[in-house]
Amino acid sequence: MKGKHALTVLVILAVVFGVGGYLARQQFDGKLEIPLPRLGAPECVARADGEVRLDPEQMANAATIAAVGISRNVPDRAVIVALATALQESKLRNLEHLGEGNDHDSLGLFQQRPSQGWGTAKQIMDPRHAAKRFYTSLLKVKGWQKMRVTEAAQRVQRSAYPEAYEKWAEEATVLAKVLTGQQAGGVTCDTYSDEPPADAATAKALADRIKADFGTAKAKGVTAEGAALRVPAANSKAGWQFAHWLVAQAPITGVTRVTFADQQWSAGDPAWSSAEKVAEQVVAEVVAGG
């Protein structure tokens, strides 16, 4: 179309799945419970005007919280509030229980309570459900965008320690900046290198997972081709959202290479590096595993 250019960036995410088909063997019912492969888990780092170091479970949960916000088209500020809240309430771990006394039924990333109408225990333990419910409550707070992080979070959580969320504002801002695609090449993770090679069924399962986090509308066109995953994106910001999500999930899902635009991340590398760009898409190489 002359005079009007609808830019479509094709993100081609090259993946090798070190879980040897584990994902594919799980029945997909709207959430995937994937345990870490072993103890002594590797580390993930988010960098954007600051640095946040998390273990794989924490980074994967942070990526899911951000993706759920993206799927609902919430402002980036809402993702910051959500991440700060989860950092305070659970340290970004999907806890079965934490509270004592009157809040002994607190569950999940946001320590939501079945007795307070947040959902059933099973629902709350699904990070996607928990994040959706948090965003729904936050967006109902009048003027939340002009509040400090801790004030907005407190209006949702009703904590006995209303100032506690503010100490996580800086970390949450760094995480939100990279996970919402505002920063290029901002997430790296260590991964294991002694796992079996990928298979097509594993790639299909990961495609289901990314659609579950981002929603079918945002992740429209995601396809698994052999051991690779292709994710079309409307623009650069969306591309980095998907790319960072895959890196954040890498230690759990076994992804070992992600390429977007003219940048590439490989397992074990401390930073993204330059990659050859072909036309308006990046051709991703599928690495042989095992």
Protein backbone atom coordinates (compact mmCIF):
# COMPACT_ATOMS: atom_id res chain seq x y z
CA MET A 1 0.00 0.00 0.00
CA LYS A 2 1.44 3.34 -1.05
CA GLY A 3 1.71 6.00 1.63
CA LYS A 4 0.77 3.58 4.33
CA HIS A 5 3.15 0.96 5.57
CA ALA A 6 2.01 -1.74 7.93
CA LEU A 7 5.28 -3.04 9.28
CA THR A 8 5.28 -6.71 10.14
CA VAL A 9 8.39 -8.07 11.77
CA LEU A 10 8.76 -11.82 11.69
CA VAL A 11 10.40 -13.16 14.80
CA ILE A 12 11.99 -16.49 14.12
CA LEU A 13 12.95 -18.10 17.37
CA ALA A 14 15.37 -20.96 16.94
CA VAL A 15 15.01 -23.45 19.72
CA VAL A 16 16.52 -26.67 20.91
CA PHE A 17 14.49 -28.23 23.67
CA GLY A 18 16.62 -29.82 26.35
CA VAL A 19 13.70 -31.48 28.08
CA GLY A 20 13.59 -34.21 25.45
CA GLY A 21 9.89 -33.99 24.68
CA TYR A 22 8.80 -33.52 28.30
CA LEU A 23 6.52 -30.62 27.42
CA ALA A 24 4.84 -32.61 24.68
CA ARG A 25 4.00 -35.46 27.04
CA GLN A 26 1.99 -33.16 29.29
CA GLN A 27 -1.70 -32.71 28.52
CA PHE A 28 -2.25 -29.02 27.83
CA ASP A 29 -5.29 -27.80 29.75
CA GLY A 30 -4.66 -24.07 29.96
CA LYS A 31 -1.61 -24.29 32.19
CA LEU A 32 1.62 -26.23 32.15
CA GLU A 33 3.26 -27.31 35.37
CA ILE A 34 6.92 -27.78 34.46
CA PRO A 35 9.30 -28.59 37.31
CA LEU A 36 12.90 -27.45 37.14
CA PRO A 37 15.08 -30.23 35.69
CA ARG A 38 17.35 -30.53 38.71
CA LEU A 39 18.68 -28.75 41.74
CA GLY A 40 21.39 -26.14 41.41
CA ALA A 41 19.42 -24.22 38.81
CA PRO A 42 21.16 -21.68 36.57
CA GLU A 43 20.69 -17.91 36.73
CA CYS A 44 18.77 -15.41 34.63
CA VAL A 45 19.59 -11.71 34.35
CA ALA A 46 17.49 -8.74 33.25
CA ARG A 47 19.36 -5.57 32.26
CA ALA A 48 17.81 -2.16 31.53
CA ASP A 49 19.25 0.85 33.37
CA GLY A 50 19.91 -1.57 36.18
CA GLU A 51 20.30 -5.29 36.71
CA VAL A 52 18.09 -7.93 38.31
CA ARG A 53 19.28 -11.50 38.89
CA LEU A 54 16.71 -14.25 39.39
CA ASP A 55 16.65 -18.02 39.31
CA PRO A 56 14.80 -19.68 36.41
CA GLU A 57 11.56 -20.23 38.33
CA GLN A 58 11.40 -16.56 39.28
CA MET A 59 12.25 -15.28 35.80
CA ALA A 60 9.75 -17.62 34.13
CA ASN A 61 7.01 -16.40 36.49
CA ALA A 62 7.97 -12.78 35.87
CA ALA A 63 7.73 -13.39 32.12
CA THR A 64 4.29 -14.95 32.50
CA ILE A 65 3.02 -12.02 34.60
CA ALA A 66 4.25 -9.58 31.95
CA ALA A 67 2.82 -11.66 29.08
CA VAL A 68 -0.60 -11.82 30.72
CA GLY A 69 -0.54 -8.03 31.06
CA ILE A 70 0.44 -7.70 27.40
CA SER A 71 -2.39 -10.03 26.40
CA ARG A 72 -4.82 -7.70 28.17
CA ASN A 73 -3.29 -4.54 26.69
CA VAL A 74 -2.60 -3.06 30.11
CA PRO A 75 -0.24 -0.07 30.41
CA ASP A 76 3.41 -0.95 31.06
CA ARG A 77 2.99 0.73 34.44
CA ALA A 78 0.53 -1.99 35.44
CA VAL A 79 3.17 -4.64 34.75
CA ILE A 80 5.56 -2.81 37.08
CA VAL A 81 2.96 -2.80 39.86
CA ALA A 82 2.17 -6.47 39.32
CA LEU A 83 5.83 -7.51 39.38
CA ALA A 84 6.57 -5.46 42.50
CA THR A 85 3.59 -7.05 44.21
CA ALA A 86 4.66 -10.59 43.31
CA LEU A 87 8.25 -9.87 44.39
CA GLN A 88 7.00 -8.79 47.80
CA GLU A 89 4.32 -11.43 48.27
CA SER A 90 6.14 -14.54 47.03
CA LYS A 91 9.55 -13.53 45.65
CA LEU A 92 8.08 -14.58 42.28
CA ARG A 93 7.53 -18.16 43.41
CA ASN A 94 4.23 -19.97 43.03
CA LEU A 95 3.86 -20.79 46.72
CA GLU A 96 1.29 -23.26 47.96
CA HIS A 97 0.96 -21.36 51.20
CA LEU A 98 2.75 -18.67 53.15
CA GLY A 99 0.35 -16.80 55.39
CA GLU A 100 -0.22 -17.55 59.04
CA GLY A 101 -3.20 -16.98 61.30
CA ASN A 102 -6.10 -15.24 59.58
CA ASP A 103 -4.52 -15.40 56.13
CA HIS A 104 -3.37 -19.01 56.26
CA ASP A 105 -5.08 -19.77 52.94
CA SER A 106 -2.90 -17.31 50.97
CA LEU A 107 -1.64 -18.92 47.77
CA GLY A 108 0.41 -18.40 44.63
CA LEU A 109 2.44 -15.56 43.18
CA PHE A 110 0.28 -12.82 44.70
CA GLN A 111 -0.72 -14.71 47.86
CA GLN A 112 -4.37 -14.47 46.92
CA ARG A 113 -6.97 -16.12 49.13
CA PRO A 114 -9.82 -18.38 48.07
CA SER A 115 -11.78 -17.14 51.07
CA GLN A 116 -11.56 -13.58 49.72
CA GLY A 117 -12.98 -14.43 46.30
CA TRP A 118 -9.79 -14.63 44.24
CA GLY A 119 -10.76 -18.05 42.89
CA THR A 120 -10.38 -21.65 43.92
CA ALA A 121 -7.05 -22.86 45.27
CA LYS A 122 -6.39 -24.62 41.96
CA GLN A 123 -7.15 -21.46 39.99
CA ILE A 124 -4.97 -19.25 42.16
CA MET A 125 -2.06 -21.65 41.76
CA ASP A 126 -2.24 -21.08 37.99
CA PRO A 127 0.06 -18.05 37.45
CA ARG A 128 -2.03 -16.92 34.49
CA HIS A 129 -5.26 -16.85 36.47
CA ALA A 130 -3.54 -15.11 39.40
CA ALA A 131 -2.06 -12.43 37.15
CA LYS A 132 -5.35 -11.85 35.33
CA ARG A 133 -7.19 -11.38 38.61
CA PHE A 134 -4.54 -8.97 39.86
CA TYR A 135 -4.73 -6.82 36.73
CA THR A 136 -8.54 -6.84 36.83
CA SER A 137 -8.51 -5.51 40.39
CA LEU A 138 -5.75 -2.96 39.71
CA LEU A 139 -7.50 -1.46 36.69
CA LYS A 140 -10.60 -0.85 38.82
CA VAL A 141 -8.63 1.41 41.19
CA LYS A 142 -9.36 5.01 40.27
CA GLY A 143 -6.19 6.96 39.54
CA TRP A 144 -3.84 4.02 40.06
CA GLN A 145 -1.48 5.18 37.30
CA LYS A 146 -0.65 8.35 39.23
CA MET A 147 0.01 6.51 42.49
CA ARG A 148 3.33 5.27 43.79
CA VAL A 149 3.89 1.59 43.10
CA THR A 150 3.28 0.69 46.72
CA GLU A 151 0.06 2.68 46.91
CA ALA A 152 -1.38 1.07 43.79
CA ALA A 153 -0.37 -2.40 44.96
CA GLN A 154 -1.83 -1.80 48.40
CA ARG A 155 -5.19 -0.81 46.97
CA VAL A 156 -5.37 -4.30 45.49
CA GLN A 157 -3.66 -6.36 48.19
CA ARG A 158 -4.84 -4.67 51.39
CA SER A 159 -1.63 -5.72 53.13
CA ALA A 160 -0.82 -5.18 56.77
CA TYR A 161 2.44 -3.63 55.52
CA PRO A 162 1.32 -1.05 52.93
CA GLU A 163 4.80 0.37 52.27
CA ALA A 164 6.43 -3.00 51.67
CA TYR A 165 5.90 -2.99 47.90
CA GLU A 166 7.90 0.18 47.27
CA LYS A 167 11.24 -1.48 47.98
CA TRP A 168 10.69 -3.63 44.88
CA ALA A 169 9.80 -0.75 42.55
CA GLU A 170 13.27 -0.47 41.03
CA GLU A 171 13.63 -4.21 40.37
CA ALA A 172 10.11 -4.38 38.98
CA THR A 173 10.83 -1.46 36.65
CA VAL A 174 13.91 -3.19 35.21
CA LEU A 175 12.00 -6.44 34.70
CA ALA A 176 9.00 -4.69 33.16
CA LYS A 177 11.16 -2.70 30.77
CA VAL A 178 12.71 -5.79 29.22
CA LEU A 179 9.70 -8.08 29.39
CA THR A 180 7.39 -5.54 27.76
CA GLY A 181 9.84 -5.09 24.90
CA GLN A 182 11.06 -1.58 25.70
CA GLN A 183 14.68 -2.74 25.86
CA ALA A 184 16.38 -4.84 23.19
CA GLY A 185 18.53 -7.80 24.22
CA GLY A 186 17.75 -7.33 27.90
CA VAL A 187 17.28 -10.90 29.19
CA THR A 188 19.85 -13.68 29.35
CA CYS A 189 19.74 -17.06 31.09
CA ASP A 190 22.16 -19.88 31.73
CA THR A 191 20.88 -23.24 30.51
CA TYR A 192 21.96 -26.83 30.63
CA SER A 193 23.91 -28.23 27.68
CA ASP A 194 23.74 -32.00 28.28
CA GLU A 195 20.10 -32.62 27.43
CA PRO A 196 18.62 -34.73 24.60
CA PRO A 197 17.94 -33.12 21.21
CA ALA A 198 14.64 -31.46 20.36
CA ASP A 199 11.69 -32.96 18.59
CA ALA A 200 8.74 -31.49 16.76
CA ALA A 201 6.25 -32.45 19.48
CA THR A 202 8.25 -30.45 22.01
CA ALA A 203 8.18 -27.39 19.77
CA LYS A 204 4.41 -27.75 19.39
CA ALA A 205 4.01 -27.86 23.18
CA LEU A 206 6.06 -24.69 23.54
CA ALA A 207 3.86 -23.02 20.94
CA ASP A 208 0.86 -23.91 23.11
CA ARG A 209 2.62 -22.42 26.11
CA ILE A 210 3.42 -19.09 24.47
CA LYS A 211 -0.18 -18.83 23.24
CA ALA A 212 -1.44 -19.49 26.76
CA ASP A 213 0.70 -16.71 28.23
CA PHE A 214 0.19 -14.06 25.53
CA GLY A 215 -3.28 -15.12 24.41
CA THR A 216 -4.20 -16.40 20.98
CA ALA A 217 -4.77 -12.89 19.62
CA LYS A 218 -1.28 -11.61 20.49
CA ALA A 219 0.40 -14.90 19.55
CA LYS A 220 -1.54 -15.31 16.32
CA GLY A 221 0.48 -17.05 13.65
CA VAL A 222 2.85 -18.86 16.01
CA THR A 223 3.99 -22.01 14.25
CA ALA A 224 6.28 -24.89 15.10
CA GLU A 225 8.49 -26.08 12.24
CA GLY A 226 10.53 -29.07 13.22
CA ALA A 227 12.45 -28.05 16.33
CA ALA A 228 12.02 -24.33 15.64
CA LEU A 229 9.32 -21.87 16.57
CA ARG A 230 8.29 -18.93 14.37
CA VAL A 231 6.46 -16.01 15.95
CA PRO A 232 5.25 -13.13 13.78
CA ALA A 233 5.20 -9.74 15.51
CA ALA A 234 3.54 -6.47 14.52
CA ASN A 235 6.57 -4.35 15.44
CA SER A 236 9.94 -4.36 17.17
CA LYS A 237 8.48 -3.98 20.66
CA ALA A 238 6.25 -7.01 20.20
CA GLY A 239 9.19 -8.96 18.80
CA TRP A 240 11.29 -8.29 21.88
CA GLN A 241 8.38 -9.26 24.11
CA PHE A 242 8.31 -12.71 22.52
CA ALA A 243 12.10 -13.03 22.32
CA HIS A 244 12.63 -12.14 25.98
CA TRP A 245 9.79 -14.43 27.03
CA LEU A 246 11.49 -17.37 25.32
CA VAL A 247 14.84 -16.62 26.91
CA ALA A 248 13.19 -16.23 30.32
CA GLN A 249 11.58 -19.66 29.89
CA ALA A 250 14.71 -21.26 28.43
CA PRO A 251 16.11 -23.07 31.49
CA ILE A 252 12.75 -24.75 32.04
CA THR A 253 11.74 -25.45 28.44
CA GLY A 254 15.23 -26.15 27.08
CA VAL A 255 15.42 -23.35 24.48
CA THR A 256 19.06 -22.81 23.57
CA ARG A 257 18.96 -20.16 20.84
CA VAL A 258 16.71 -17.18 20.14
CA THR A 259 17.16 -14.81 17.20
CA PHE A 260 15.28 -11.59 16.52
CA ALA A 261 16.03 -8.64 14.23
CA ASP A 262 19.83 -8.54 14.03
CA GLN A 263 20.45 -9.96 17.50
CA GLN A 264 20.93 -13.49 18.78
CA TRP A 265 21.07 -15.13 22.20
CA SER A 266 22.58 -18.56 22.76
CA ALA A 267 22.58 -20.63 25.92
CA GLY A 268 25.55 -19.84 28.10
CA ASP A 269 26.28 -16.46 26.50
CA PRO A 270 26.28 -13.55 28.99
CA ALA A 271 24.86 -11.14 26.39
CA TRP A 272 23.09 -10.95 23.05
CA SER A 273 25.34 -10.73 20.01
CA SER A 274 25.02 -9.51 16.44
CA ALA A 275 23.39 -11.77 13.89
CA GLU A 276 23.01 -11.49 10.13
CA LYS A 277 19.69 -9.98 9.11
CA VAL A 278 18.08 -11.18 5.89
CA ALA A 279 15.61 -8.70 4.35
CA GLU A 280 12.90 -7.97 6.91
CA GLN A 281 13.23 -11.19 8.79
CA VAL A 282 15.87 -13.09 10.67
CA VAL A 283 16.60 -16.64 9.63
CA ALA A 284 17.11 -18.69 12.73
CA GLU A 285 19.40 -21.71 12.79
CA VAL A 286 18.24 -24.80 14.60
CA VAL A 287 21.10 -26.09 16.70
CA ALA A 288 21.61 -29.83 16.92
CA GLY A 289 21.24 -30.98 20.49
CA GLY A 290 22.27 -33.90 22.58
